[in-house]
PDB file of N, CA and C in Angstrom:
ATOM      1  N   MET A   1     106.655  85.995  88.758  1.00  0.00           N
ATOM      2  CA  MET A   1     106.065  85.010  89.627  1.00  0.00           C
ATOM      3  C   MET A   1     104.628  84.768  89.199  1.00  0.00           C
ATOM      4  N   VAL A   2     104.247  83.526  89.129  1.00  0.00           N
ATOM      5  CA  VAL A   2     102.873  83.162  88.824  1.00  0.00           C
ATOM      6  C   VAL A   2     102.400  82.217  89.915  1.00  0.00           C
ATOM      7  N   PHE A   3     101.227  82.493  90.467  1.00  0.00           N
ATOM      8  CA  PHE A   3     100.720  81.716  91.588  1.00  0.00           C
ATOM      9  C   PHE A   3      99.379  81.100  91.237  1.00  0.00           C
ATOM     10  N   ALA A   4      99.119  79.908  91.762  1.00  0.00           N
ATOM     11  CA  ALA A   4      97.780  79.340  91.681  1.00  0.00           C
ATOM     12  C   ALA A   4      96.879  80.204  92.547  1.00  0.00           C
ATOM     13  N   VAL A   5      95.618  80.265  92.213  1.00  0.00           N
ATOM     14  CA  VAL A   5      94.694  81.153  92.927  1.00  0.00           C
ATOM     15  C   VAL A   5      94.738  80.933  94.430  1.00  0.00           C
ATOM     16  N   LYS A   6      94.731  79.679  94.886  1.00  0.00           N
ATOM     17  CA  LYS A   6      94.711  79.433  96.327  1.00  0.00           C
ATOM     18  C   LYS A   6      96.027  79.810  97.001  1.00  0.00           C
ATOM     19  N   ASP A   7      97.110  79.923  96.228  1.00  0.00           N
ATOM     20  CA  ASP A   7      98.418  80.239  96.785  1.00  0.00           C
ATOM     21  C   ASP A   7      98.809  81.704  96.615  1.00  0.00           C
ATOM     22  N   LYS A   8      97.929  82.511  96.043  1.00  0.00           N
ATOM     23  CA  LYS A   8      98.267  83.909  95.781  1.00  0.00           C
ATOM     24  C   LYS A   8      98.575  84.635  97.083  1.00  0.00           C
ATOM     25  N   PRO A   9      99.766  85.162  97.196  1.00  0.00           N
ATOM     26  CA  PRO A   9     100.064  85.960  98.389  1.00  0.00           C
ATOM     27  C   PRO A   9      99.259  87.259  98.391  1.00  0.00           C
ATOM     28  N   MET A  10      98.931  87.709  99.579  1.00  0.00           N
ATOM     29  CA  MET A  10      98.247  88.986  99.757  1.00  0.00           C
ATOM     30  C   MET A  10      99.288  90.035 100.117  1.00  0.00           C
ATOM     31  N   ILE A  11      99.272  91.134  99.395  1.00  0.00           N
ATOM     32  CA  ILE A  11     100.126  92.265  99.715  1.00  0.00           C
ATOM     33  C   ILE A  11      99.221  93.388 100.208  1.00  0.00           C
ATOM     34  N   TYR A  12      99.429  93.780 101.449  1.00  0.00           N
ATOM     35  CA  TYR A  12      98.766  94.960 101.987  1.00  0.00           C
ATOM     36  C   TYR A  12      99.704  96.131 101.722  1.00  0.00           C
ATOM     37  N   LEU A  13      99.181  97.203 101.162  1.00  0.00           N
ATOM     38  CA  LEU A  13      99.988  98.359 100.778  1.00  0.00           C
ATOM     39  C   LEU A  13      99.426  99.596 101.449  1.00  0.00           C
ATOM     40  N   VAL A  14     100.277 100.292 102.211  1.00  0.00           N
ATOM     41  CA  VAL A  14      99.858 101.527 102.874  1.00  0.00           C
ATOM     42  C   VAL A  14     100.779 102.649 102.414  1.00  0.00           C
ATOM     43  N   ASP A  15     100.204 103.575 101.639  1.00  0.00           N
ATOM     44  CA  ASP A  15     100.941 104.750 101.157  1.00  0.00           C
ATOM     45  C   ASP A  15      99.924 105.852 100.914  1.00  0.00           C
ATOM     46  N   ASP A  16     100.205 107.052 101.374  1.00  0.00           N
ATOM     47  CA  ASP A  16      99.251 108.149 101.237  1.00  0.00           C
ATOM     48  C   ASP A  16      99.255 108.786  99.853  1.00  0.00           C
ATOM     49  N   ASP A  17     100.214 108.455  99.004  1.00  0.00           N
ATOM     50  CA  ASP A  17     100.308 109.025  97.658  1.00  0.00           C
ATOM     51  C   ASP A  17      99.487 108.159  96.692  1.00  0.00           C
ATOM     52  N   ASP A  18      98.421 108.738  96.141  1.00  0.00           N
ATOM     53  CA  ASP A  18      97.540 107.994  95.233  1.00  0.00           C
ATOM     54  C   ASP A  18      98.306 107.385  94.060  1.00  0.00           C
ATOM     55  N   ALA A  19      99.207 108.143  93.466  1.00  0.00           N
ATOM     56  CA  ALA A  19      99.945 107.657  92.296  1.00  0.00           C
ATOM     57  C   ALA A  19     100.840 106.473  92.661  1.00  0.00           C
ATOM     58  N   VAL A  20     101.477 106.529  93.813  1.00  0.00           N
ATOM     59  CA  VAL A  20     102.324 105.419  94.263  1.00  0.00           C
ATOM     60  C   VAL A  20     101.466 104.190  94.517  1.00  0.00           C
ATOM     61  N   ARG A  21     100.350 104.383  95.230  1.00  0.00           N
ATOM     62  CA  ARG A  21      99.449 103.258  95.506  1.00  0.00           C
ATOM     63  C   ARG A  21      98.958 102.617  94.206  1.00  0.00           C
ATOM     64  N   ASP A  22      98.532 103.448  93.275  1.00  0.00           N
ATOM     65  CA  ASP A  22      98.006 102.926  92.006  1.00  0.00           C
ATOM     66  C   ASP A  22      99.073 102.190  91.210  1.00  0.00           C
ATOM     67  N   SER A  23     100.257 102.777  91.106  1.00  0.00           N
ATOM     68  CA  SER A  23     101.304 102.145  90.296  1.00  0.00           C
ATOM     69  C   SER A  23     101.810 100.861  90.950  1.00  0.00           C
ATOM     70  N   LEU A  24     101.984 100.860  92.273  1.00  0.00           N
ATOM     71  CA  LEU A  24     102.434  99.639  92.942  1.00  0.00           C
ATOM     72  C   LEU A  24     101.361  98.558  92.911  1.00  0.00           C
ATOM     73  N   THR A  25     100.101  98.946  93.041  1.00  0.00           N
ATOM     74  CA  THR A  25      99.018  97.974  92.938  1.00  0.00           C
ATOM     75  C   THR A  25      99.029  97.318  91.569  1.00  0.00           C
ATOM     76  N   PHE A  26      99.131  98.111  90.513  1.00  0.00           N
ATOM     77  CA  PHE A  26      99.173  97.577  89.157  1.00  0.00           C
ATOM     78  C   PHE A  26     100.368  96.641  88.974  1.00  0.00           C
ATOM     79  N   LEU A  27     101.533  97.077  89.419  1.00  0.00           N
ATOM     80  CA  LEU A  27     102.743  96.268  89.294  1.00  0.00           C
ATOM     81  C   LEU A  27     102.579  94.928  90.016  1.00  0.00           C
ATOM     82  N   LEU A  28     102.134  94.974  91.248  1.00  0.00           N
ATOM     83  CA  LEU A  28     102.028  93.754  92.048  1.00  0.00           C
ATOM     84  C   LEU A  28     100.952  92.812  91.515  1.00  0.00           C
ATOM     85  N   GLU A  29      99.826  93.364  91.108  1.00  0.00           N
ATOM     86  CA  GLU A  29      98.782  92.514  90.532  1.00  0.00           C
ATOM     87  C   GLU A  29      99.252  91.875  89.225  1.00  0.00           C
ATOM     88  N   SER A  30     100.047  92.592  88.453  1.00  0.00           N
ATOM     89  CA  SER A  30     100.551  92.029  87.199  1.00  0.00           C
ATOM     90  C   SER A  30     101.548  90.899  87.443  1.00  0.00           C
ATOM     91  N   HIS A  31     102.056  90.809  88.663  1.00  0.00           N
ATOM     92  CA  HIS A  31     102.959  89.723  89.038  1.00  0.00           C
ATOM     93  C   HIS A  31     102.249  88.636  89.847  1.00  0.00           C
ATOM     94  N   GLY A  32     100.925  88.675  89.877  1.00  0.00           N
ATOM     95  CA  GLY A  32     100.158  87.591  90.468  1.00  0.00           C
ATOM     96  C   GLY A  32      99.796  87.725  91.925  1.00  0.00           C
ATOM     97  N   PHE A  33     100.011  88.900  92.517  1.00  0.00           N
ATOM     98  CA  PHE A  33      99.662  89.104  93.924  1.00  0.00           C
ATOM     99  C   PHE A  33      98.247  89.646  94.048  1.00  0.00           C
ATOM    100  N   ASP A  34      97.571  89.307  95.133  1.00  0.00           N
ATOM    101  CA  ASP A  34      96.364  90.019  95.540  1.00  0.00           C
ATOM    102  C   ASP A  34      96.853  91.255  96.277  1.00  0.00           C
ATOM    103  N   VAL A  35      96.216  92.395  96.059  1.00  0.00           N
ATOM    104  CA  VAL A  35      96.656  93.636  96.700  1.00  0.00           C
ATOM    105  C   VAL A  35      95.458  94.343  97.325  1.00  0.00           C
ATOM    106  N   SER A  36      95.627  94.773  98.566  1.00  0.00           N
ATOM    107  CA  SER A  36      94.680  95.660  99.234  1.00  0.00           C
ATOM    108  C   SER A  36      95.460  96.909  99.607  1.00  0.00           C
ATOM    109  N   ALA A  37      95.041  98.038  99.061  1.00  0.00           N
ATOM    110  CA  ALA A  37      95.792  99.282  99.249  1.00  0.00           C
ATOM    111  C   ALA A  37      95.017 100.262 100.127  1.00  0.00           C
ATOM    112  N   PHE A  38      95.780 100.998 100.935  1.00  0.00           N
ATOM    113  CA  PHE A  38      95.206 101.930 101.901  1.00  0.00           C
ATOM    114  C   PHE A  38      96.013 103.220 101.942  1.00  0.00           C
ATOM    115  N   ALA A  39      95.349 104.320 102.272  1.00  0.00           N
ATOM    116  CA  ALA A  39      96.001 105.621 102.321  1.00  0.00           C
ATOM    117  C   ALA A  39      96.601 105.944 103.689  1.00  0.00           C
ATOM    118  N   SER A  40      96.252 105.173 104.709  1.00  0.00           N
ATOM    119  CA  SER A  40      96.757 105.453 106.060  1.00  0.00           C
ATOM    120  C   SER A  40      96.783 104.169 106.877  1.00  0.00           C
ATOM    121  N   THR A  41      97.510 104.221 107.981  1.00  0.00           N
ATOM    122  CA  THR A  41      97.537 103.061 108.877  1.00  0.00           C
ATOM    123  C   THR A  41      96.175 102.870 109.547  1.00  0.00           C
ATOM    124  N   ALA A  42      95.461 103.968 109.792  1.00  0.00           N
ATOM    125  CA  ALA A  42      94.124 103.857 110.397  1.00  0.00           C
ATOM    126  C   ALA A  42      93.175 103.125 109.452  1.00  0.00           C
ATOM    127  N   GLU A  43      93.223 103.471 108.170  1.00  0.00           N
ATOM    128  CA  GLU A  43      92.386 102.812 107.170  1.00  0.00           C
ATOM    129  C   GLU A  43      92.758 101.324 107.075  1.00  0.00           C
ATOM    130  N   PHE A  44      94.052 101.035 107.063  1.00  0.00           N
ATOM    131  CA  PHE A  44      94.519  99.650 107.017  1.00  0.00           C
ATOM    132  C   PHE A  44      94.030  98.873 108.239  1.00  0.00           C
ATOM    133  N   THR A  45      94.182  99.441 109.418  1.00  0.00           N
ATOM    134  CA  THR A  45      93.808  98.771 110.662  1.00  0.00           C
ATOM    135  C   THR A  45      92.318  98.441 110.692  1.00  0.00           C
ATOM    136  N   ARG A  46      91.485  99.357 110.189  1.00  0.00           N
ATOM    137  CA  ARG A  46      90.033  99.108 110.171  1.00  0.00           C
ATOM    138  C   ARG A  46      89.674  97.943 109.246  1.00  0.00           C
ATOM    139  N   ALA A  47      90.389  97.794 108.149  1.00  0.00           N
ATOM    140  CA  ALA A  47      90.036  96.788 107.141  1.00  0.00           C
ATOM    141  C   ALA A  47      90.814  95.481 107.270  1.00  0.00           C
ATOM    142  N   TYR A  48      91.902  95.481 108.008  1.00  0.00           N
ATOM    143  CA  TYR A  48      92.803  94.327 108.055  1.00  0.00           C
ATOM    144  C   TYR A  48      92.151  93.080 108.638  1.00  0.00           C
ATOM    145  N   ARG A  49      92.341  91.982 107.928  1.00  0.00           N
ATOM    146  CA  ARG A  49      91.967  90.654 108.398  1.00  0.00           C
ATOM    147  C   ARG A  49      93.186  89.775 108.184  1.00  0.00           C
ATOM    148  N   ALA A  50      93.618  89.097 109.218  1.00  0.00           N
ATOM    149  CA  ALA A  50      94.814  88.254 109.123  1.00  0.00           C
ATOM    150  C   ALA A  50      94.641  87.230 108.012  1.00  0.00           C
ATOM    151  N   ARG A  51      95.700  86.995 107.307  1.00  0.00           N
ATOM    152  CA  ARG A  51      95.688  86.035 106.215  1.00  0.00           C
ATOM    153  C   ARG A  51      97.070  85.404 106.113  1.00  0.00           C
ATOM    154  N   ALA A  52      97.116  84.108 105.904  1.00  0.00           N
ATOM    155  CA  ALA A  52      98.396  83.430 105.703  1.00  0.00           C
ATOM    156  C   ALA A  52      98.992  83.898 104.382  1.00  0.00           C
ATOM    157  N   ASN A  53     100.295  83.812 104.270  1.00  0.00           N
ATOM    158  CA  ASN A  53     100.992  84.153 103.039  1.00  0.00           C
ATOM    159  C   ASN A  53     100.739  85.611 102.653  1.00  0.00           C
ATOM    160  N   ALA A  54     101.020  86.506 103.602  1.00  0.00           N
ATOM    161  CA  ALA A  54     100.775  87.933 103.388  1.00  0.00           C
ATOM    162  C   ALA A  54     102.006  88.748 103.763  1.00  0.00           C
ATOM    163  N   CYS A  55     102.047  89.954 103.231  1.00  0.00           N
ATOM    164  CA  CYS A  55     103.153  90.878 103.476  1.00  0.00           C
ATOM    165  C   CYS A  55     102.582  92.293 103.487  1.00  0.00           C
ATOM    166  N   LEU A  56     103.167  93.159 104.286  1.00  0.00           N
ATOM    167  CA  LEU A  56     102.763  94.563 104.348  1.00  0.00           C
ATOM    168  C   LEU A  56     103.867  95.429 103.761  1.00  0.00           C
ATOM    169  N   ILE A  57     103.505  96.240 102.784  1.00  0.00           N
ATOM    170  CA  ILE A  57     104.410  97.272 102.274  1.00  0.00           C
ATOM    171  C   ILE A  57     103.914  98.573 102.882  1.00  0.00           C
ATOM    172  N   LEU A  58     104.755  99.201 103.673  1.00  0.00           N
ATOM    173  CA  LEU A  58     104.348 100.334 104.501  1.00  0.00           C
ATOM    174  C   LEU A  58     105.240 101.538 104.244  1.00  0.00           C
ATOM    175  N   ASP A  59     104.612 102.647 103.857  1.00  0.00           N
ATOM    176  CA  ASP A  59     105.349 103.898 103.697  1.00  0.00           C
ATOM    177  C   ASP A  59     105.687 104.434 105.087  1.00  0.00           C
ATOM    178  N   HIS A  60     106.857 105.035 105.211  1.00  0.00           N
ATOM    179  CA  HIS A  60     107.214 105.619 106.506  1.00  0.00           C
ATOM    180  C   HIS A  60     106.555 106.978 106.705  1.00  0.00           C
ATOM    181  N   HIS A  61     106.622 107.830 105.693  1.00  0.00           N
ATOM    182  CA  HIS A  61     106.108 109.199 105.820  1.00  0.00           C
ATOM    183  C   HIS A  61     104.621 109.221 105.483  1.00  0.00           C
ATOM    184  N   LEU A  62     103.808 109.137 106.527  1.00  0.00           N
ATOM    185  CA  LEU A  62     102.361 109.147 106.389  1.00  0.00           C
ATOM    186  C   LEU A  62     101.791 110.261 107.256  1.00  0.00           C
ATOM    187  N   PRO A  63     100.651 110.811 106.877  1.00  0.00           N
ATOM    188  CA  PRO A  63     100.011 111.793 107.761  1.00  0.00           C
ATOM    189  C   PRO A  63      99.519 111.082 109.023  1.00  0.00           C
ATOM    190  N   GLY A  64      99.582 111.770 110.119  1.00  0.00           N
ATOM    191  CA  GLY A  64      99.165 111.148 111.381  1.00  0.00           C
ATOM    192  C   GLY A  64     100.265 110.246 111.895  1.00  0.00           C
ATOM    193  N   THR A  65     100.005 108.971 111.927  1.00  0.00           N
ATOM    194  CA  THR A  65     100.951 107.989 112.445  1.00  0.00           C
ATOM    195  C   THR A  65     101.915 107.559 111.344  1.00  0.00           C
ATOM    196  N   SER A  66     103.202 107.737 111.581  1.00  0.00           N
ATOM    197  CA  SER A  66     104.200 107.314 110.588  1.00  0.00           C
ATOM    198  C   SER A  66     104.278 105.788 110.555  1.00  0.00           C
ATOM    199  N   GLY A  67     104.918 105.274 109.531  1.00  0.00           N
ATOM    200  CA  GLY A  67     105.086 103.830 109.430  1.00  0.00           C
ATOM    201  C   GLY A  67     105.795 103.239 110.631  1.00  0.00           C
ATOM    202  N   LEU A  68     106.870 103.885 111.073  1.00  0.00           N
ATOM    203  CA  LEU A  68     107.609 103.379 112.229  1.00  0.00           C
ATOM    204  C   LEU A  68     106.806 103.500 113.519  1.00  0.00           C
ATOM    205  N   GLU A  69     106.072 104.594 113.668  1.00  0.00           N
ATOM    206  CA  GLU A  69     105.216 104.737 114.857  1.00  0.00           C
ATOM    207  C   GLU A  69     104.159 103.635 114.878  1.00  0.00           C
ATOM    208  N   PHE A  70     103.605 103.324 113.718  1.00  0.00           N
ATOM    209  CA  PHE A  70     102.615 102.258 113.636  1.00  0.00           C
ATOM    210  C   PHE A  70     103.223 100.913 114.025  1.00  0.00           C
ATOM    211  N   LEU A  71     104.404 100.606 113.498  1.00  0.00           N
ATOM    212  CA  LEU A  71     105.049  99.327 113.815  1.00  0.00           C
ATOM    213  C   LEU A  71     105.373  99.202 115.298  1.00  0.00           C
ATOM    214  N   ALA A  72     105.683 100.320 115.942  1.00  0.00           N
ATOM    215  CA  ALA A  72     106.013 100.311 117.367  1.00  0.00           C
ATOM    216  C   ALA A  72     104.765 100.272 118.252  1.00  0.00           C
ATOM    217  N   SER A  73     103.596 100.529 117.672  1.00  0.00           N
ATOM    218  CA  SER A  73     102.351 100.543 118.445  1.00  0.00           C
ATOM    219  C   SER A  73     101.869  99.119 118.705  1.00  0.00           C
ATOM    220  N   PRO A  74     100.959  98.944 119.652  1.00  0.00           N
ATOM    221  CA  PRO A  74     100.418  97.598 119.895  1.00  0.00           C
ATOM    222  C   PRO A  74      99.782  96.970 118.648  1.00  0.00           C
ATOM    223  N   LYS A  75      99.069  97.758 117.844  1.00  0.00           N
ATOM    224  CA  LYS A  75      98.444  97.216 116.631  1.00  0.00           C
ATOM    225  C   LYS A  75      99.500  96.766 115.629  1.00  0.00           C
ATOM    226  N   GLY A  76     100.528  97.557 115.464  1.00  0.00           N
ATOM    227  CA  GLY A  76     101.602  97.188 114.545  1.00  0.00           C
ATOM    228  C   GLY A  76     102.399  96.002 115.042  1.00  0.00           C
ATOM    229  N   ALA A  77     102.667  95.982 116.332  1.00  0.00           N
ATOM    230  CA  ALA A  77     103.438  94.882 116.926  1.00  0.00           C
ATOM    231  C   ALA A  77     102.672  93.566 116.871  1.00  0.00           C
ATOM    232  N   ALA A  78     101.340  93.636 116.797  1.00  0.00           N
ATOM    233  CA  ALA A  78     100.520  92.428 116.780  1.00  0.00           C
ATOM    234  C   ALA A  78     100.416  91.789 115.397  1.00  0.00           C
ATOM    235  N   LEU A  79     100.919  92.465 114.382  1.00  0.00           N
ATOM    236  CA  LEU A  79     100.875  91.893 113.030  1.00  0.00           C
ATOM    237  C   LEU A  79     101.793  90.684 112.961  1.00  0.00           C
ATOM    238  N   HIS A  80     101.320  89.649 112.327  1.00  0.00           N
ATOM    239  CA  HIS A  80     102.131  88.446 112.176  1.00  0.00           C
ATOM    240  C   HIS A  80     102.397  88.216 110.702  1.00  0.00           C
ATOM    241  N   MET A  81     103.083  89.190 110.098  1.00  0.00           N
ATOM    242  CA  MET A  81     103.475  89.086 108.701  1.00  0.00           C
ATOM    243  C   MET A  81     104.709  89.960 108.493  1.00  0.00           C
ATOM    244  N   PRO A  82     105.486  89.661 107.478  1.00  0.00           N
ATOM    245  CA  PRO A  82     106.657  90.489 107.213  1.00  0.00           C
ATOM    246  C   PRO A  82     106.257  91.876 106.723  1.00  0.00           C
ATOM    247  N   VAL A  83     107.104  92.845 107.032  1.00  0.00           N
ATOM    248  CA  VAL A  83     106.857  94.233 106.651  1.00  0.00           C
ATOM    249  C   VAL A  83     108.033  94.740 105.835  1.00  0.00           C
ATOM    250  N   ILE A  84     107.707  95.397 104.735  1.00  0.00           N
ATOM    251  CA  ILE A  84     108.704  96.088 103.917  1.00  0.00           C
ATOM    252  C   ILE A  84     108.411  97.568 104.082  1.00  0.00           C
ATOM    253  N   LEU A  85     109.373  98.311 104.599  1.00  0.00           N
ATOM    254  CA  LEU A  85     109.197  99.744 104.811  1.00  0.00           C
ATOM    255  C   LEU A  85     109.775 100.484 103.613  1.00  0.00           C
ATOM    256  N   ILE A  86     108.993 101.415 103.059  1.00  0.00           N
ATOM    257  CA  ILE A  86     109.482 102.243 101.961  1.00  0.00           C
ATOM    258  C   ILE A  86     109.431 103.699 102.392  1.00  0.00           C
ATOM    259  N   THR A  87     110.357 104.487 101.873  1.00  0.00           N
ATOM    260  CA  THR A  87     110.368 105.900 102.224  1.00  0.00           C
ATOM    261  C   THR A  87     111.069 106.720 101.151  1.00  0.00           C
ATOM    262  N   GLY A  88     110.614 107.947 101.011  1.00  0.00           N
ATOM    263  CA  GLY A  88     111.233 108.869 100.073  1.00  0.00           C
ATOM    264  C   GLY A  88     112.300 109.707 100.734  1.00  0.00           C
ATOM    265  N   GLY A  89     112.394 109.657 102.027  1.00  0.00           N
ATOM    266  CA  GLY A  89     113.367 110.467 102.756  1.00  0.00           C
ATOM    267  C   GLY A  89     114.111 109.641 103.770  1.00  0.00           C
ATOM    268  N   ALA A  90     114.929 108.745 103.282  1.00  0.00           N
ATOM    269  CA  ALA A  90     115.642 107.823 104.179  1.00  0.00           C
ATOM    270  C   ALA A  90     116.829 108.495 104.845  1.00  0.00           C
ATOM    271  N   ASP A  91     117.085 108.056 106.049  1.00  0.00           N
ATOM    272  CA  ASP A  91     118.319 108.427 106.744  1.00  0.00           C
ATOM    273  C   ASP A  91     118.709 107.238 107.617  1.00  0.00           C
ATOM    274  N   PRO A  92     119.947 107.195 108.086  1.00  0.00           N
ATOM    275  CA  PRO A  92     120.399 106.038 108.868  1.00  0.00           C
ATOM    276  C   PRO A  92     119.570 105.776 110.127  1.00  0.00           C
ATOM    277  N   THR A  93     119.012 106.813 110.712  1.00  0.00           N
ATOM    278  CA  THR A  93     118.200 106.645 111.916  1.00  0.00           C
ATOM    279  C   THR A  93     116.929 105.855 111.605  1.00  0.00           C
ATOM    280  N   ILE A  94     116.279 106.203 110.495  1.00  0.00           N
ATOM    281  CA  ILE A  94     115.057 105.500 110.098  1.00  0.00           C
ATOM    282  C   ILE A  94     115.375 104.037 109.801  1.00  0.00           C
ATOM    283  N   SER A  95     116.436 103.807 109.059  1.00  0.00           N
ATOM    284  CA  SER A  95     116.839 102.451 108.701  1.00  0.00           C
ATOM    285  C   SER A  95     117.137 101.619 109.953  1.00  0.00           C
ATOM    286  N   ALA A  96     117.885 102.185 110.870  1.00  0.00           N
ATOM    287  CA  ALA A  96     118.244 101.466 112.096  1.00  0.00           C
ATOM    288  C   ALA A  96     116.999 101.148 112.925  1.00  0.00           C
ATOM    289  N   ARG A  97     116.109 102.111 113.049  1.00  0.00           N
ATOM    290  CA  ARG A  97     114.885 101.881 113.832  1.00  0.00           C
ATOM    291  C   ARG A  97     113.998 100.840 113.148  1.00  0.00           C
ATOM    292  N   ALA A  98     113.934 100.904 111.815  1.00  0.00           N
ATOM    293  CA  ALA A  98     113.131  99.928 111.071  1.00  0.00           C
ATOM    294  C   ALA A  98     113.642  98.515 111.318  1.00  0.00           C
ATOM    295  N   HIS A  99     114.937  98.342 111.235  1.00  0.00           N
ATOM    296  CA  HIS A  99     115.504  97.014 111.462  1.00  0.00           C
ATOM    297  C   HIS A  99     115.320  96.569 112.919  1.00  0.00           C
ATOM    298  N   ALA A 100     115.412  97.507 113.851  1.00  0.00           N
ATOM    299  CA  ALA A 100     115.177  97.167 115.256  1.00  0.00           C
ATOM    300  C   ALA A 100     113.733  96.718 115.485  1.00  0.00           C
ATOM    301  N   LEU A 101     112.810  97.240 114.677  1.00  0.00           N
ATOM    302  CA  LEU A 101     111.409  96.849 114.791  1.00  0.00           C
ATOM    303  C   LEU A 101     111.100  95.593 113.980  1.00  0.00           C
ATOM    304  N   GLY A 102     112.114  95.043 113.319  1.00  0.00           N
ATOM    305  CA  GLY A 102     111.952  93.761 112.644  1.00  0.00           C
ATOM    306  C   GLY A 102     111.477  93.799 111.214  1.00  0.00           C
ATOM    307  N   VAL A 103     111.613  94.948 110.532  1.00  0.00           N
ATOM    308  CA  VAL A 103     111.177  94.968 109.136  1.00  0.00           C
ATOM    309  C   VAL A 103     112.021  94.003 108.311  1.00  0.00           C
ATOM    310  N   ALA A 104     111.381  93.408 107.325  1.00  0.00           N
ATOM    311  CA  ALA A 104     112.061  92.440 106.468  1.00  0.00           C
ATOM    312  C   ALA A 104     112.967  93.130 105.466  1.00  0.00           C
ATOM    313  N   ALA A 105     112.581  94.341 105.032  1.00  0.00           N
ATOM    314  CA  ALA A 105     113.378  95.094 104.066  1.00  0.00           C
ATOM    315  C   ALA A 105     113.059  96.573 104.209  1.00  0.00           C
ATOM    316  N   PHE A 106     114.020  97.382 103.806  1.00  0.00           N
ATOM    317  CA  PHE A 106     113.897  98.830 103.855  1.00  0.00           C
ATOM    318  C   PHE A 106     114.303  99.347 102.481  1.00  0.00           C
ATOM    319  N   LEU A 107     113.359  99.968 101.761  1.00  0.00           N
ATOM    320  CA  LEU A 107     113.618 100.422 100.395  1.00  0.00           C
ATOM    321  C   LEU A 107     113.337 101.911 100.265  1.00  0.00           C
ATOM    322  N   GLU A 108     114.163 102.577  99.463  1.00  0.00           N
ATOM    323  CA  GLU A 108     113.969 104.000  99.214  1.00  0.00           C
ATOM    324  C   GLU A 108     113.181 104.224  97.935  1.00  0.00           C
ATOM    325  N   LYS A 109     112.307 105.236  97.971  1.00  0.00           N
ATOM    326  CA  LYS A 109     111.550 105.639  96.788  1.00  0.00           C
ATOM    327  C   LYS A 109     112.453 106.481  95.894  1.00  0.00           C
ATOM    328  N   PRO A 110     112.298 106.420  94.614  1.00  0.00           N
ATOM    329  CA  PRO A 110     111.349 105.551  93.933  1.00  0.00           C
ATOM    330  C   PRO A 110     111.811 104.100  94.007  1.00  0.00           C
ATOM    331  N   VAL A 111     110.880 103.220  94.294  1.00  0.00           N
ATOM    332  CA  VAL A 111     111.177 101.809  94.467  1.00  0.00           C
ATOM    333  C   VAL A 111     111.208 101.135  93.099  1.00  0.00           C
ATOM    334  N   GLY A 112     112.321 100.493  92.794  1.00  0.00           N
ATOM    335  CA  GLY A 112     112.440  99.776  91.534  1.00  0.00           C
ATOM    336  C   GLY A 112     111.690  98.456  91.573  1.00  0.00           C
ATOM    337  N   GLU A 113     111.248  98.007  90.413  1.00  0.00           N
ATOM    338  CA  GLU A 113     110.483  96.762  90.317  1.00  0.00           C
ATOM    339  C   GLU A 113     111.276  95.565  90.839  1.00  0.00           C
ATOM    340  N   ALA A 114     112.492  95.383  90.362  1.00  0.00           N
ATOM    341  CA  ALA A 114     113.281  94.209  90.747  1.00  0.00           C
ATOM    342  C   ALA A 114     113.586  94.178  92.242  1.00  0.00           C
ATOM    343  N   PRO A 115     114.053  95.286  92.849  1.00  0.00           N
ATOM    344  CA  PRO A 115     114.303  95.238  94.294  1.00  0.00           C
ATOM    345  C   PRO A 115     113.037  94.985  95.113  1.00  0.00           C
ATOM    346  N   LEU A 116     111.919  95.546  94.681  1.00  0.00           N
ATOM    347  CA  LEU A 116     110.671  95.346  95.418  1.00  0.00           C
ATOM    348  C   LEU A 116     110.229  93.889  95.337  1.00  0.00           C
ATOM    349  N   LEU A 117     110.243  93.328  94.142  1.00  0.00           N
ATOM    350  CA  LEU A 117     109.828  91.929  93.985  1.00  0.00           C
ATOM    351  C   LEU A 117     110.764  90.983  94.739  1.00  0.00           C
ATOM    352  N   ALA A 118     112.060  91.272  94.728  1.00  0.00           N
ATOM    353  CA  ALA A 118     113.004  90.455  95.476  1.00  0.00           C
ATOM    354  C   ALA A 118     112.743  90.554  96.970  1.00  0.00           C
ATOM    355  N   ALA A 119     112.456  91.759  97.455  1.00  0.00           N
ATOM    356  CA  ALA A 119     112.188  91.946  98.887  1.00  0.00           C
ATOM    357  C   ALA A 119     110.910  91.198  99.284  1.00  0.00           C
ATOM    358  N   ILE A 120     109.889  91.227  98.441  1.00  0.00           N
ATOM    359  CA  ILE A 120     108.656  90.504  98.747  1.00  0.00           C
ATOM    360  C   ILE A 120     108.907  89.007  98.757  1.00  0.00           C
ATOM    361  N   GLU A 121     109.607  88.519  97.740  1.00  0.00           N
ATOM    362  CA  GLU A 121     109.903  87.088  97.664  1.00  0.00           C
ATOM    363  C   GLU A 121     110.675  86.621  98.899  1.00  0.00           C
ATOM    364  N   ASN A 122     111.694  87.389  99.291  1.00  0.00           N
ATOM    365  CA  ASN A 122     112.475  87.044 100.478  1.00  0.00           C
ATOM    366  C   ASN A 122     111.631  87.100 101.747  1.00  0.00           C
ATOM    367  N   ALA A 123     110.782  88.124 101.861  1.00  0.00           N
ATOM    368  CA  ALA A 123     109.944  88.280 103.045  1.00  0.00           C
ATOM    369  C   ALA A 123     108.947  87.132 103.177  1.00  0.00           C
ATOM    370  N   LEU A 124     108.345  86.738 102.072  1.00  0.00           N
ATOM    371  CA  LEU A 124     107.353  85.661 102.114  1.00  0.00           C
ATOM    372  C   LEU A 124     107.992  84.301 102.338  1.00  0.00           C
ATOM    373  N   ALA A 125     109.253  84.163 101.958  1.00  0.00           N
ATOM    374  CA  ALA A 125     109.956  82.884 102.123  1.00  0.00           C
ATOM    375  C   ALA A 125     110.472  82.698 103.543  1.00  0.00           C
ATOM    376  N   ALA A 126     110.593  83.787 104.286  1.00  0.00           N
ATOM    377  CA  ALA A 126     111.166  83.717 105.641  1.00  0.00           C
ATOM    378  C   ALA A 126     110.247  83.048 106.626  1.00  0.00           C
TER     379      ALA A 126
END
């Protein structure tokens, strides 16, 4: 995907693993996305500014508030952008709760390039 500067989608990325954040940031930027990466939902919440044409990639297993707990909170519920939940320890309960909270996609780590890009494209098109 190649975007004109004014049309570049913003990807907010929340994952506590430095290596995951760095590799996903590099991957997404190489595909033309603007990326703002954070180690926690608290860090994301402090820095977040609403932007059109944006998507949140959110790890479920985070220290403190989990991805699902964040989405169920007033701050998470107030987000007006699609969310892609990623996790290294998926189970049917997490998947079901994620979908009940309205996530656009649920992906298991390690996240492949093609499934991630497809999930972002679908989320931004919705």
